[in-house]
Amino acid sequence: MKQVLPVPGAHGAPGITGRSNGLRPDLALIADWIAPQARVLDLACGDGALVAHLQSAKRCRGYGVEINDAQLLACMRAGVDVIQQDIEAGLGMFRALSFDVVVLSMAIQMTHQTERVLREMSAVGREGIVSFPNFGHWYHAWSILRGRMPVSREMPYEWYNTPNLHLATVRDFEEFLGRLGLRITGRAFLKNGRPVGWLPGLRSTQAIYRFRRD
């Protein structure tokens, strides 16, 4: 996965505004899910904001994996241990179950080998957490009915310059996890950074899932 364009709102990129402790809304929610002193791996970690927060607020031990040079420098300035690596090249540098939690936030839609990425996340971590833009949001369907590809806060690119390769709905992702033998242990849905409870498949713009292998 060649991350040339920034992930929308990712750790300082334009798109989704932050909320709690300066974190992007989905990252703030993910941080709440992670236990104190957990071992955390953040894939496509951007500027390392999540790991930096977990280290200072929850005394977690964390690593980031990032390919972008500028984001790599930002991680180091934030005191985050980071490895420059394309996550689709594999996570073979880590032993099985090296981490309590492996996070991939707002980047899975950019992967070419999505199945491999999720399998490796579940191999090196006891639990995985993924957030992604929900393509099933009603506005996206309305845009397509009008003959236009949707552009939104979570997907701010035009069709000709988007890094997004594999867009999914909530149901798509849940079925995909089931096919990989990954059990959902938690889910949350956001719209403009706020929780969505009713009809999340149609009303949420972001979905966040936590899962583990049975």
N, C-alpha and C. Protein backbone atom coordinates (compact mmCIF):
# COMPACT_ATOMS: atom_id res chain seq x y z
N MET A 1 0.86 -1.19 0.00
CA MET A 1 0.00 0.00 0.00
C MET A 1 0.88 1.23 0.00
N LYS A 2 0.90 1.96 -1.07
CA LYS A 2 1.74 3.15 -1.19
C LYS A 2 0.96 4.35 -0.68
N GLN A 3 1.28 4.84 0.49
CA GLN A 3 0.53 5.94 1.09
C GLN A 3 1.16 7.27 0.68
N VAL A 4 0.80 7.75 -0.48
CA VAL A 4 1.30 9.03 -0.95
C VAL A 4 0.39 10.14 -0.48
N LEU A 5 -0.92 9.95 -0.63
CA LEU A 5 -1.88 10.93 -0.14
C LEU A 5 -2.17 10.66 1.32
N PRO A 6 -2.42 11.68 2.13
CA PRO A 6 -2.71 11.46 3.54
C PRO A 6 -4.08 10.85 3.74
N VAL A 7 -4.20 10.04 4.77
CA VAL A 7 -5.50 9.53 5.16
C VAL A 7 -6.36 10.69 5.62
N PRO A 8 -7.63 10.78 5.19
CA PRO A 8 -8.46 11.91 5.59
C PRO A 8 -8.52 12.09 7.10
N GLY A 9 -8.07 13.22 7.57
CA GLY A 9 -8.12 13.49 8.99
C GLY A 9 -7.15 12.69 9.81
N ALA A 10 -6.22 11.98 9.16
CA ALA A 10 -5.38 11.06 9.90
C ALA A 10 -4.29 11.81 10.64
N HIS A 11 -4.44 11.87 11.98
CA HIS A 11 -3.38 12.36 12.83
C HIS A 11 -2.86 13.70 12.33
N GLY A 12 -3.79 14.59 11.94
CA GLY A 12 -3.38 15.91 11.52
C GLY A 12 -3.68 16.22 10.07
N ALA A 13 -4.06 15.21 9.25
CA ALA A 13 -4.40 15.48 7.86
C ALA A 13 -5.78 16.11 7.78
N PRO A 14 -6.12 16.79 6.68
CA PRO A 14 -7.42 17.44 6.58
C PRO A 14 -8.54 16.43 6.51
N GLY A 15 -9.70 16.79 7.00
CA GLY A 15 -10.84 15.90 6.91
C GLY A 15 -11.64 15.92 8.18
N ILE A 16 -11.42 14.94 9.04
CA ILE A 16 -12.22 14.77 10.25
C ILE A 16 -11.58 15.57 11.38
N THR A 17 -12.36 16.36 12.05
CA THR A 17 -11.81 17.18 13.13
C THR A 17 -11.65 16.37 14.40
N GLY A 18 -10.70 16.75 15.24
CA GLY A 18 -10.44 16.06 16.48
C GLY A 18 -11.45 16.40 17.55
N ARG A 19 -11.37 15.67 18.67
CA ARG A 19 -12.34 15.90 19.73
C ARG A 19 -11.64 15.81 21.08
N SER A 20 -11.53 14.60 21.60
CA SER A 20 -11.03 14.42 22.96
C SER A 20 -9.51 14.37 22.98
N ASN A 21 -8.90 15.17 23.88
CA ASN A 21 -7.45 15.18 24.04
C ASN A 21 -6.72 15.45 22.73
N GLY A 22 -7.35 16.21 21.84
CA GLY A 22 -6.74 16.53 20.57
C GLY A 22 -6.78 15.41 19.55
N LEU A 23 -7.37 14.28 19.89
CA LEU A 23 -7.44 13.16 18.97
C LEU A 23 -8.64 13.29 18.03
N ARG A 24 -8.49 12.72 16.86
CA ARG A 24 -9.61 12.57 15.95
C ARG A 24 -10.70 11.76 16.64
N PRO A 25 -11.99 11.98 16.32
CA PRO A 25 -13.06 11.29 17.06
C PRO A 25 -12.94 9.78 17.11
N ASP A 26 -12.63 9.14 15.99
CA ASP A 26 -12.53 7.67 16.03
C ASP A 26 -11.32 7.23 16.85
N LEU A 27 -10.24 8.01 16.82
CA LEU A 27 -9.07 7.66 17.62
C LEU A 27 -9.35 7.82 19.11
N ALA A 28 -10.13 8.85 19.47
CA ALA A 28 -10.50 9.04 20.87
C ALA A 28 -11.31 7.85 21.38
N LEU A 29 -12.21 7.37 20.54
CA LEU A 29 -13.02 6.21 20.92
C LEU A 29 -12.14 4.96 21.04
N ILE A 30 -11.25 4.78 20.08
CA ILE A 30 -10.33 3.64 20.11
C ILE A 30 -9.47 3.69 21.38
N ALA A 31 -8.98 4.88 21.71
CA ALA A 31 -8.16 5.02 22.92
C ALA A 31 -8.93 4.61 24.17
N ASP A 32 -10.24 4.91 24.21
CA ASP A 32 -11.06 4.51 25.34
C ASP A 32 -11.18 3.00 25.45
N TRP A 33 -11.13 2.30 24.32
CA TRP A 33 -11.25 0.84 24.31
C TRP A 33 -9.97 0.14 24.80
N ILE A 34 -8.85 0.82 24.74
CA ILE A 34 -7.56 0.17 25.03
C ILE A 34 -7.24 0.29 26.51
N ALA A 35 -6.89 -0.85 27.11
CA ALA A 35 -6.62 -0.92 28.55
C ALA A 35 -5.29 -0.27 28.90
N PRO A 36 -5.17 0.26 30.11
CA PRO A 36 -3.87 0.79 30.56
C PRO A 36 -2.77 -0.26 30.47
N GLN A 37 -1.58 0.20 30.13
CA GLN A 37 -0.36 -0.61 30.05
C GLN A 37 -0.43 -1.69 28.97
N ALA A 38 -1.35 -1.56 28.04
CA ALA A 38 -1.44 -2.53 26.94
C ALA A 38 -0.27 -2.33 25.97
N ARG A 39 0.07 -3.41 25.28
CA ARG A 39 1.06 -3.36 24.20
C ARG A 39 0.29 -3.10 22.91
N VAL A 40 0.61 -1.99 22.24
CA VAL A 40 -0.20 -1.52 21.12
C VAL A 40 0.67 -1.35 19.87
N LEU A 41 0.14 -1.80 18.75
CA LEU A 41 0.76 -1.57 17.45
C LEU A 41 -0.23 -0.79 16.60
N ASP A 42 0.20 0.38 16.09
CA ASP A 42 -0.67 1.23 15.27
C ASP A 42 -0.14 1.22 13.85
N LEU A 43 -0.90 0.58 12.95
CA LEU A 43 -0.50 0.47 11.55
C LEU A 43 -0.95 1.69 10.77
N ALA A 44 -0.10 2.13 9.82
CA ALA A 44 -0.37 3.37 9.08
C ALA A 44 -0.70 4.47 10.08
N CYS A 45 0.22 4.68 11.01
CA CYS A 45 -0.05 5.46 12.23
C CYS A 45 -0.03 6.96 12.01
N GLY A 46 0.29 7.44 10.80
CA GLY A 46 0.34 8.88 10.59
C GLY A 46 1.38 9.54 11.47
N ASP A 47 0.99 10.60 12.16
CA ASP A 47 1.96 11.33 12.99
C ASP A 47 2.12 10.74 14.39
N GLY A 48 1.50 9.58 14.63
CA GLY A 48 1.68 8.89 15.90
C GLY A 48 0.85 9.42 17.04
N ALA A 49 -0.19 10.21 16.74
CA ALA A 49 -0.97 10.84 17.80
C ALA A 49 -1.61 9.83 18.74
N LEU A 50 -2.12 8.73 18.21
CA LEU A 50 -2.78 7.73 19.06
C LEU A 50 -1.79 7.10 20.02
N VAL A 51 -0.66 6.64 19.50
CA VAL A 51 0.34 6.00 20.36
C VAL A 51 0.89 6.98 21.39
N ALA A 52 1.15 8.21 20.97
CA ALA A 52 1.66 9.22 21.90
C ALA A 52 0.67 9.44 23.04
N HIS A 53 -0.62 9.52 22.71
CA HIS A 53 -1.65 9.70 23.74
C HIS A 53 -1.70 8.50 24.68
N LEU A 54 -1.67 7.29 24.12
CA LEU A 54 -1.75 6.09 24.96
C LEU A 54 -0.55 5.96 25.87
N GLN A 55 0.62 6.38 25.38
CA GLN A 55 1.82 6.31 26.21
C GLN A 55 1.74 7.26 27.39
N SER A 56 1.22 8.46 27.15
CA SER A 56 1.19 9.46 28.22
C SER A 56 -0.01 9.27 29.14
N ALA A 57 -1.17 8.90 28.60
CA ALA A 57 -2.39 8.84 29.39
C ALA A 57 -2.63 7.48 30.02
N LYS A 58 -2.14 6.41 29.38
CA LYS A 58 -2.45 5.06 29.87
C LYS A 58 -1.20 4.20 30.08
N ARG A 59 -0.03 4.83 29.95
CA ARG A 59 1.24 4.11 30.15
C ARG A 59 1.33 2.86 29.30
N CYS A 60 0.79 2.94 28.09
CA CYS A 60 0.88 1.82 27.16
C CYS A 60 2.27 1.78 26.52
N ARG A 61 2.64 0.60 26.05
CA ARG A 61 3.87 0.44 25.28
C ARG A 61 3.46 0.29 23.83
N GLY A 62 3.88 1.23 23.00
CA GLY A 62 3.38 1.23 21.64
C GLY A 62 4.44 1.41 20.58
N TYR A 63 4.12 0.91 19.40
CA TYR A 63 4.92 1.10 18.20
C TYR A 63 3.99 1.58 17.09
N GLY A 64 4.54 2.35 16.16
CA GLY A 64 3.83 2.72 14.96
C GLY A 64 4.51 2.13 13.75
N VAL A 65 3.73 1.92 12.71
CA VAL A 65 4.27 1.51 11.41
C VAL A 65 3.75 2.52 10.39
N GLU A 66 4.67 3.14 9.66
CA GLU A 66 4.29 4.21 8.74
C GLU A 66 5.28 4.24 7.58
N ILE A 67 4.80 4.58 6.38
CA ILE A 67 5.68 4.60 5.21
C ILE A 67 6.05 6.01 4.79
N ASN A 68 5.21 6.98 5.13
CA ASN A 68 5.41 8.36 4.67
C ASN A 68 6.54 9.03 5.46
N ASP A 69 7.49 9.63 4.75
CA ASP A 69 8.67 10.22 5.39
C ASP A 69 8.30 11.35 6.36
N ALA A 70 7.42 12.24 5.94
CA ALA A 70 7.05 13.38 6.80
C ALA A 70 6.34 12.90 8.06
N GLN A 71 5.45 11.93 7.92
CA GLN A 71 4.75 11.39 9.09
C GLN A 71 5.71 10.65 10.00
N LEU A 72 6.69 10.00 9.42
CA LEU A 72 7.71 9.30 10.20
C LEU A 72 8.45 10.27 11.11
N LEU A 73 8.82 11.41 10.56
CA LEU A 73 9.51 12.44 11.35
C LEU A 73 8.60 12.97 12.45
N ALA A 74 7.33 13.14 12.14
CA ALA A 74 6.38 13.62 13.15
C ALA A 74 6.27 12.64 14.30
N CYS A 75 6.28 11.35 14.00
CA CYS A 75 6.25 10.33 15.05
C CYS A 75 7.46 10.45 15.96
N MET A 76 8.62 10.59 15.36
CA MET A 76 9.84 10.67 16.16
C MET A 76 9.86 11.91 17.03
N ARG A 77 9.34 13.02 16.49
CA ARG A 77 9.26 14.24 17.30
C ARG A 77 8.30 14.06 18.47
N ALA A 78 7.27 13.22 18.29
CA ALA A 78 6.29 12.98 19.36
C ALA A 78 6.77 11.91 20.34
N GLY A 79 7.95 11.37 20.12
CA GLY A 79 8.48 10.36 21.02
C GLY A 79 7.89 8.98 20.81
N VAL A 80 7.41 8.73 19.59
CA VAL A 80 6.80 7.44 19.27
C VAL A 80 7.81 6.57 18.53
N ASP A 81 8.01 5.35 19.00
CA ASP A 81 8.85 4.39 18.29
C ASP A 81 8.12 3.96 17.02
N VAL A 82 8.75 4.17 15.88
CA VAL A 82 8.07 3.93 14.61
C VAL A 82 9.00 3.18 13.66
N ILE A 83 8.41 2.30 12.88
CA ILE A 83 9.13 1.53 11.87
C ILE A 83 8.63 1.97 10.50
N GLN A 84 9.56 2.29 9.59
CA GLN A 84 9.15 2.67 8.24
C GLN A 84 8.96 1.40 7.43
N GLN A 85 7.70 1.14 7.10
CA GLN A 85 7.36 -0.12 6.44
C GLN A 85 6.01 0.02 5.76
N ASP A 86 5.89 -0.56 4.58
CA ASP A 86 4.60 -0.70 3.93
C ASP A 86 3.88 -1.85 4.62
N ILE A 87 2.72 -1.61 5.19
CA ILE A 87 2.04 -2.65 5.97
C ILE A 87 1.65 -3.84 5.10
N GLU A 88 1.54 -3.63 3.79
CA GLU A 88 1.20 -4.75 2.92
C GLU A 88 2.40 -5.61 2.59
N ALA A 89 3.59 -5.18 3.00
CA ALA A 89 4.77 -6.02 2.85
C ALA A 89 4.83 -7.08 3.94
N GLY A 90 3.90 -7.01 4.90
CA GLY A 90 3.84 -8.01 5.95
C GLY A 90 4.33 -7.50 7.28
N LEU A 91 3.96 -8.23 8.33
CA LEU A 91 4.34 -7.88 9.70
C LEU A 91 5.25 -8.94 10.29
N GLY A 92 6.05 -9.56 9.42
CA GLY A 92 6.91 -10.66 9.84
C GLY A 92 7.98 -10.27 10.85
N MET A 93 8.21 -8.96 11.02
CA MET A 93 9.22 -8.54 12.01
C MET A 93 8.72 -8.69 13.44
N PHE A 94 7.41 -8.99 13.60
CA PHE A 94 6.82 -9.16 14.93
C PHE A 94 6.46 -10.63 15.16
N ARG A 95 6.68 -11.09 16.38
CA ARG A 95 6.30 -12.45 16.74
C ARG A 95 4.80 -12.56 16.89
N ALA A 96 4.31 -13.79 16.83
CA ALA A 96 2.87 -14.03 17.02
C ALA A 96 2.45 -13.53 18.39
N LEU A 97 1.32 -12.84 18.43
CA LEU A 97 0.72 -12.32 19.65
C LEU A 97 1.69 -11.43 20.44
N SER A 98 2.46 -10.64 19.70
CA SER A 98 3.39 -9.71 20.36
C SER A 98 2.66 -8.54 21.03
N PHE A 99 1.42 -8.28 20.58
CA PHE A 99 0.70 -7.10 21.04
C PHE A 99 -0.68 -7.48 21.59
N ASP A 100 -1.13 -6.67 22.53
CA ASP A 100 -2.49 -6.84 23.03
C ASP A 100 -3.51 -6.32 22.02
N VAL A 101 -3.15 -5.22 21.35
CA VAL A 101 -4.07 -4.58 20.40
C VAL A 101 -3.28 -4.12 19.17
N VAL A 102 -3.84 -4.38 17.99
CA VAL A 102 -3.30 -3.85 16.74
C VAL A 102 -4.38 -2.97 16.12
N VAL A 103 -4.02 -1.73 15.79
CA VAL A 103 -4.98 -0.73 15.29
C VAL A 103 -4.68 -0.39 13.84
N LEU A 104 -5.73 -0.26 13.05
CA LEU A 104 -5.63 0.26 11.68
C LEU A 104 -6.78 1.25 11.50
N SER A 105 -6.48 2.53 11.55
CA SER A 105 -7.54 3.54 11.57
C SER A 105 -7.61 4.30 10.25
N MET A 106 -8.78 4.27 9.63
CA MET A 106 -9.09 5.02 8.42
C MET A 106 -8.07 4.80 7.31
N ALA A 107 -7.63 3.54 7.17
CA ALA A 107 -6.66 3.24 6.12
C ALA A 107 -6.93 1.91 5.43
N ILE A 108 -7.79 1.06 5.99
CA ILE A 108 -8.00 -0.26 5.39
C ILE A 108 -8.54 -0.14 3.97
N GLN A 109 -9.30 0.91 3.68
CA GLN A 109 -9.87 1.09 2.35
C GLN A 109 -8.81 1.40 1.31
N MET A 110 -7.58 1.71 1.75
CA MET A 110 -6.49 2.01 0.83
C MET A 110 -5.62 0.80 0.52
N THR A 111 -5.87 -0.31 1.18
CA THR A 111 -5.01 -1.48 1.00
C THR A 111 -5.38 -2.26 -0.26
N HIS A 112 -4.36 -2.82 -0.90
CA HIS A 112 -4.59 -3.73 -2.02
C HIS A 112 -4.92 -5.13 -1.52
N GLN A 113 -4.15 -5.58 -0.53
CA GLN A 113 -4.29 -6.94 0.00
C GLN A 113 -4.99 -6.88 1.37
N THR A 114 -6.24 -6.51 1.34
CA THR A 114 -6.98 -6.27 2.57
C THR A 114 -7.09 -7.52 3.43
N GLU A 115 -7.35 -8.64 2.81
CA GLU A 115 -7.48 -9.88 3.57
C GLU A 115 -6.18 -10.24 4.28
N ARG A 116 -5.07 -10.08 3.58
CA ARG A 116 -3.77 -10.38 4.19
C ARG A 116 -3.50 -9.47 5.38
N VAL A 117 -3.82 -8.19 5.23
CA VAL A 117 -3.58 -7.23 6.31
C VAL A 117 -4.35 -7.64 7.56
N LEU A 118 -5.63 -7.99 7.41
CA LEU A 118 -6.43 -8.37 8.58
C LEU A 118 -5.94 -9.68 9.19
N ARG A 119 -5.54 -10.62 8.36
CA ARG A 119 -5.02 -11.89 8.89
C ARG A 119 -3.75 -11.65 9.71
N GLU A 120 -2.88 -10.79 9.21
CA GLU A 120 -1.63 -10.53 9.92
C GLU A 120 -1.88 -9.73 11.19
N MET A 121 -2.85 -8.82 11.15
CA MET A 121 -3.22 -8.11 12.38
C MET A 121 -3.63 -9.10 13.47
N SER A 122 -4.45 -10.09 13.10
CA SER A 122 -4.94 -11.06 14.09
C SER A 122 -3.87 -12.06 14.48
N ALA A 123 -2.79 -12.14 13.69
CA ALA A 123 -1.71 -13.06 14.02
C ALA A 123 -0.75 -12.45 15.05
N VAL A 124 -0.47 -11.15 14.92
CA VAL A 124 0.50 -10.52 15.83
C VAL A 124 -0.16 -9.87 17.04
N GLY A 125 -1.49 -9.75 17.02
CA GLY A 125 -2.20 -9.12 18.14
C GLY A 125 -3.32 -9.98 18.68
N ARG A 126 -3.58 -9.86 19.94
CA ARG A 126 -4.70 -10.59 20.55
C ARG A 126 -6.04 -10.00 20.13
N GLU A 127 -6.04 -8.71 19.84
CA GLU A 127 -7.26 -8.04 19.41
C GLU A 127 -6.92 -7.03 18.32
N GLY A 128 -7.82 -6.87 17.35
CA GLY A 128 -7.66 -5.88 16.31
C GLY A 128 -8.74 -4.82 16.41
N ILE A 129 -8.40 -3.60 16.02
CA ILE A 129 -9.37 -2.52 15.94
C ILE A 129 -9.19 -1.82 14.60
N VAL A 130 -10.30 -1.69 13.87
CA VAL A 130 -10.27 -1.06 12.55
C VAL A 130 -11.35 0.00 12.47
N SER A 131 -11.02 1.17 11.94
CA SER A 131 -12.04 2.16 11.61
C SER A 131 -11.97 2.43 10.11
N PHE A 132 -13.13 2.74 9.53
CA PHE A 132 -13.17 2.98 8.08
C PHE A 132 -14.38 3.84 7.74
N PRO A 133 -14.35 4.51 6.58
CA PRO A 133 -15.52 5.29 6.15
C PRO A 133 -16.63 4.35 5.69
N ASN A 134 -17.83 4.59 6.17
CA ASN A 134 -18.96 3.74 5.82
C ASN A 134 -19.54 4.17 4.48
N PHE A 135 -19.31 3.35 3.46
CA PHE A 135 -19.79 3.69 2.12
C PHE A 135 -21.30 3.52 2.00
N GLY A 136 -21.92 2.87 3.01
CA GLY A 136 -23.35 2.68 2.99
C GLY A 136 -24.16 3.88 3.45
N HIS A 137 -23.49 4.95 3.85
CA HIS A 137 -24.22 6.15 4.30
C HIS A 137 -25.15 6.64 3.20
N TRP A 138 -26.33 7.09 3.58
CA TRP A 138 -27.36 7.46 2.60
C TRP A 138 -26.89 8.50 1.60
N TYR A 139 -26.02 9.41 2.03
CA TYR A 139 -25.56 10.46 1.12
C TYR A 139 -24.78 9.89 -0.06
N HIS A 140 -24.02 8.82 0.20
CA HIS A 140 -23.24 8.22 -0.88
C HIS A 140 -24.16 7.63 -1.94
N ALA A 141 -25.23 6.93 -1.48
CA ALA A 141 -26.19 6.38 -2.42
C ALA A 141 -26.87 7.50 -3.22
N TRP A 142 -27.22 8.58 -2.55
CA TRP A 142 -27.86 9.71 -3.21
C TRP A 142 -26.94 10.33 -4.25
N SER A 143 -25.67 10.45 -3.93
CA SER A 143 -24.71 11.01 -4.89
C SER A 143 -24.62 10.15 -6.14
N ILE A 144 -24.57 8.83 -5.94
CA ILE A 144 -24.47 7.93 -7.09
C ILE A 144 -25.74 7.99 -7.94
N LEU A 145 -26.90 8.09 -7.29
CA LEU A 145 -28.16 8.22 -8.03
C LEU A 145 -28.17 9.49 -8.88
N ARG A 146 -27.46 10.51 -8.41
CA ARG A 146 -27.36 11.77 -9.16
C ARG A 146 -26.27 11.72 -10.22
N GLY A 147 -25.60 10.55 -10.31
CA GLY A 147 -24.57 10.38 -11.33
C GLY A 147 -23.20 10.86 -10.93
N ARG A 148 -22.97 11.08 -9.63
CA ARG A 148 -21.68 11.58 -9.16
C ARG A 148 -21.11 10.67 -8.09
N MET A 149 -19.78 10.47 -8.10
CA MET A 149 -19.13 9.77 -7.01
C MET A 149 -19.17 10.66 -5.76
N PRO A 150 -19.45 10.09 -4.60
CA PRO A 150 -19.59 10.91 -3.39
C PRO A 150 -18.26 11.49 -2.92
N VAL A 151 -18.33 12.71 -2.41
CA VAL A 151 -17.21 13.37 -1.74
C VAL A 151 -17.73 13.82 -0.39
N SER A 152 -17.03 13.45 0.67
CA SER A 152 -17.49 13.75 2.02
C SER A 152 -16.31 14.07 2.92
N ARG A 153 -16.58 14.36 4.18
CA ARG A 153 -15.50 14.65 5.13
C ARG A 153 -14.56 13.47 5.27
N GLU A 154 -15.13 12.26 5.33
CA GLU A 154 -14.30 11.07 5.50
C GLU A 154 -13.65 10.63 4.19
N MET A 155 -14.25 11.02 3.06
CA MET A 155 -13.70 10.68 1.74
C MET A 155 -13.64 11.96 0.90
N PRO A 156 -12.67 12.83 1.20
CA PRO A 156 -12.66 14.16 0.59
C PRO A 156 -12.04 14.23 -0.80
N TYR A 157 -11.77 13.09 -1.42
CA TYR A 157 -11.09 13.08 -2.71
C TYR A 157 -12.08 12.95 -3.87
N GLU A 158 -11.66 13.43 -5.03
CA GLU A 158 -12.41 13.20 -6.25
C GLU A 158 -12.09 11.80 -6.78
N TRP A 159 -12.92 11.33 -7.71
CA TRP A 159 -12.74 9.97 -8.22
C TRP A 159 -11.37 9.77 -8.87
N TYR A 160 -10.79 10.84 -9.42
CA TYR A 160 -9.55 10.70 -10.19
C TYR A 160 -8.29 10.80 -9.32
N ASN A 161 -8.41 11.22 -8.05
CA ASN A 161 -7.20 11.31 -7.23
C ASN A 161 -7.35 10.60 -5.88
N THR A 162 -8.39 9.78 -5.74
CA THR A 162 -8.62 9.11 -4.46
C THR A 162 -7.62 7.98 -4.23
N PRO A 163 -7.12 7.84 -3.01
CA PRO A 163 -6.29 6.67 -2.67
C PRO A 163 -7.14 5.47 -2.27
N ASN A 164 -8.46 5.68 -2.15
CA ASN A 164 -9.34 4.61 -1.68
C ASN A 164 -9.54 3.56 -2.78
N LEU A 165 -9.31 2.30 -2.42
CA LEU A 165 -9.41 1.22 -3.39
C LEU A 165 -10.60 0.31 -3.12
N HIS A 166 -10.86 0.03 -1.84
CA HIS A 166 -11.89 -0.94 -1.46
C HIS A 166 -12.83 -0.30 -0.45
N LEU A 167 -13.92 0.25 -0.93
CA LEU A 167 -14.90 0.86 -0.05
C LEU A 167 -15.92 -0.18 0.39
N ALA A 168 -16.37 -0.09 1.64
CA ALA A 168 -17.25 -1.12 2.19
C ALA A 168 -18.37 -0.49 3.00
N THR A 169 -19.47 -1.22 3.09
CA THR A 169 -20.55 -0.87 3.99
C THR A 169 -20.34 -1.60 5.31
N VAL A 170 -21.15 -1.27 6.29
CA VAL A 170 -21.09 -1.95 7.59
C VAL A 170 -21.33 -3.45 7.42
N ARG A 171 -22.35 -3.81 6.66
CA ARG A 171 -22.65 -5.24 6.46
C ARG A 171 -21.53 -5.95 5.72
N ASP A 172 -20.97 -5.29 4.70
CA ASP A 172 -19.84 -5.88 3.98
C ASP A 172 -18.72 -6.25 4.94
N PHE A 173 -18.37 -5.31 5.81
CA PHE A 173 -17.22 -5.52 6.69
C PHE A 173 -17.51 -6.62 7.72
N GLU A 174 -18.70 -6.65 8.25
CA GLU A 174 -19.04 -7.67 9.23
C GLU A 174 -19.00 -9.06 8.59
N GLU A 175 -19.51 -9.19 7.38
CA GLU A 175 -19.46 -10.47 6.70
C GLU A 175 -18.02 -10.88 6.37
N PHE A 176 -17.21 -9.89 6.04
CA PHE A 176 -15.79 -10.16 5.74
C PHE A 176 -15.07 -10.69 6.97
N LEU A 177 -15.29 -10.06 8.12
CA LEU A 177 -14.67 -10.55 9.35
C LEU A 177 -15.10 -11.98 9.64
N GLY A 178 -16.39 -12.28 9.45
CA GLY A 178 -16.88 -13.63 9.68
C GLY A 178 -16.22 -14.64 8.77
N ARG A 179 -16.02 -14.27 7.51
CA ARG A 179 -15.39 -15.18 6.56
C ARG A 179 -13.94 -15.47 6.95
N LEU A 180 -13.29 -14.51 7.60
CA LEU A 180 -11.90 -14.70 8.03
C LEU A 180 -11.81 -15.39 9.39
N GLY A 181 -12.95 -15.74 9.99
CA GLY A 181 -12.94 -16.38 11.30
C GLY A 181 -12.62 -15.43 12.43
N LEU A 182 -12.95 -14.16 12.25
CA LEU A 182 -12.68 -13.14 13.26
C LEU A 182 -13.99 -12.74 13.92
N ARG A 183 -14.02 -12.82 15.24
CA ARG A 183 -15.24 -12.56 16.00
C ARG A 183 -15.29 -11.10 16.45
N ILE A 184 -16.40 -10.44 16.17
CA ILE A 184 -16.59 -9.05 16.57
C ILE A 184 -16.84 -8.98 18.07
N THR A 185 -16.05 -8.18 18.77
CA THR A 185 -16.20 -8.02 20.22
C THR A 185 -16.70 -6.63 20.60
N GLY A 186 -16.76 -5.73 19.63
CA GLY A 186 -17.27 -4.39 19.89
C GLY A 186 -17.43 -3.64 18.59
N ARG A 187 -18.35 -2.72 18.57
CA ARG A 187 -18.57 -1.90 17.38
C ARG A 187 -19.10 -0.53 17.81
N ALA A 188 -18.78 0.47 17.04
CA ALA A 188 -19.28 1.82 17.29
C ALA A 188 -19.40 2.53 15.96
N PHE A 189 -20.30 3.51 15.93
CA PHE A 189 -20.57 4.22 14.68
C PHE A 189 -20.64 5.72 14.98
N LEU A 190 -20.07 6.50 14.07
CA LEU A 190 -19.99 7.94 14.26
C LEU A 190 -20.51 8.67 13.02
N LYS A 191 -21.05 9.85 13.27
CA LYS A 191 -21.36 10.80 12.21
C LYS A 191 -20.89 12.16 12.68
N ASN A 192 -20.00 12.75 11.92
CA ASN A 192 -19.41 14.04 12.31
C ASN A 192 -18.84 13.98 13.72
N GLY A 193 -18.27 12.83 14.07
CA GLY A 193 -17.63 12.67 15.37
C GLY A 193 -18.56 12.33 16.51
N ARG A 194 -19.87 12.18 16.24
CA ARG A 194 -20.84 11.89 17.30
C ARG A 194 -21.41 10.50 17.14
N PRO A 195 -21.74 9.81 18.24
CA PRO A 195 -22.24 8.44 18.16
C PRO A 195 -23.56 8.35 17.41
N VAL A 196 -23.71 7.27 16.67
CA VAL A 196 -24.94 6.97 15.95
C VAL A 196 -25.47 5.64 16.46
N GLY A 197 -26.72 5.61 16.93
CA GLY A 197 -27.31 4.39 17.44
C GLY A 197 -28.37 3.81 16.52
N TRP A 198 -29.20 4.67 15.95
CA TRP A 198 -30.33 4.23 15.13
C TRP A 198 -29.92 4.14 13.66
N LEU A 199 -30.17 2.99 13.03
CA LEU A 199 -29.84 2.75 11.62
C LEU A 199 -28.40 3.16 11.29
N PRO A 200 -27.43 2.60 11.98
CA PRO A 200 -26.04 3.04 11.74
C PRO A 200 -25.54 2.74 10.33
N GLY A 201 -26.07 1.68 9.71
CA GLY A 201 -25.62 1.35 8.37
C GLY A 201 -25.93 2.43 7.35
N LEU A 202 -26.99 3.20 7.60
CA LEU A 202 -27.39 4.27 6.70
C LEU A 202 -26.98 5.66 7.19
N ARG A 203 -26.84 5.81 8.52
CA ARG A 203 -26.67 7.14 9.08
C ARG A 203 -25.25 7.45 9.54
N SER A 204 -24.42 6.44 9.72
CA SER A 204 -23.06 6.71 10.19
C SER A 204 -22.13 6.95 9.02
N THR A 205 -21.17 7.83 9.23
CA THR A 205 -20.14 8.08 8.22
C THR A 205 -18.85 7.32 8.52
N GLN A 206 -18.69 6.88 9.76
CA GLN A 206 -17.53 6.09 10.16
C GLN A 206 -17.98 4.89 10.98
N ALA A 207 -17.29 3.77 10.77
CA ALA A 207 -17.54 2.57 11.57
C ALA A 207 -16.22 2.16 12.23
N ILE A 208 -16.33 1.71 13.49
CA ILE A 208 -15.15 1.24 14.24
C ILE A 208 -15.49 -0.13 14.82
N TYR A 209 -14.63 -1.10 14.53
CA TYR A 209 -14.85 -2.47 14.99
C TYR A 209 -13.63 -2.97 15.77
N ARG A 210 -13.93 -3.75 16.81
CA ARG A 210 -12.87 -4.49 17.49
C ARG A 210 -13.20 -5.96 17.33
N PHE A 211 -12.16 -6.77 17.17
CA PHE A 211 -12.37 -8.18 16.85
C PHE A 211 -11.18 -9.02 17.32
N ARG A 212 -11.39 -10.31 17.42
CA ARG A 212 -10.32 -11.23 17.76
C ARG A 212 -10.58 -12.58 17.11
N ARG A 213 -9.54 -13.38 17.01
CA ARG A 213 -9.69 -14.69 16.42
C ARG A 213 -10.24 -15.66 17.46
N ASP A 214 -11.20 -16.47 17.05
CA ASP A 214 -11.79 -17.47 17.95
C ASP A 214 -10.77 -18.55 18.28
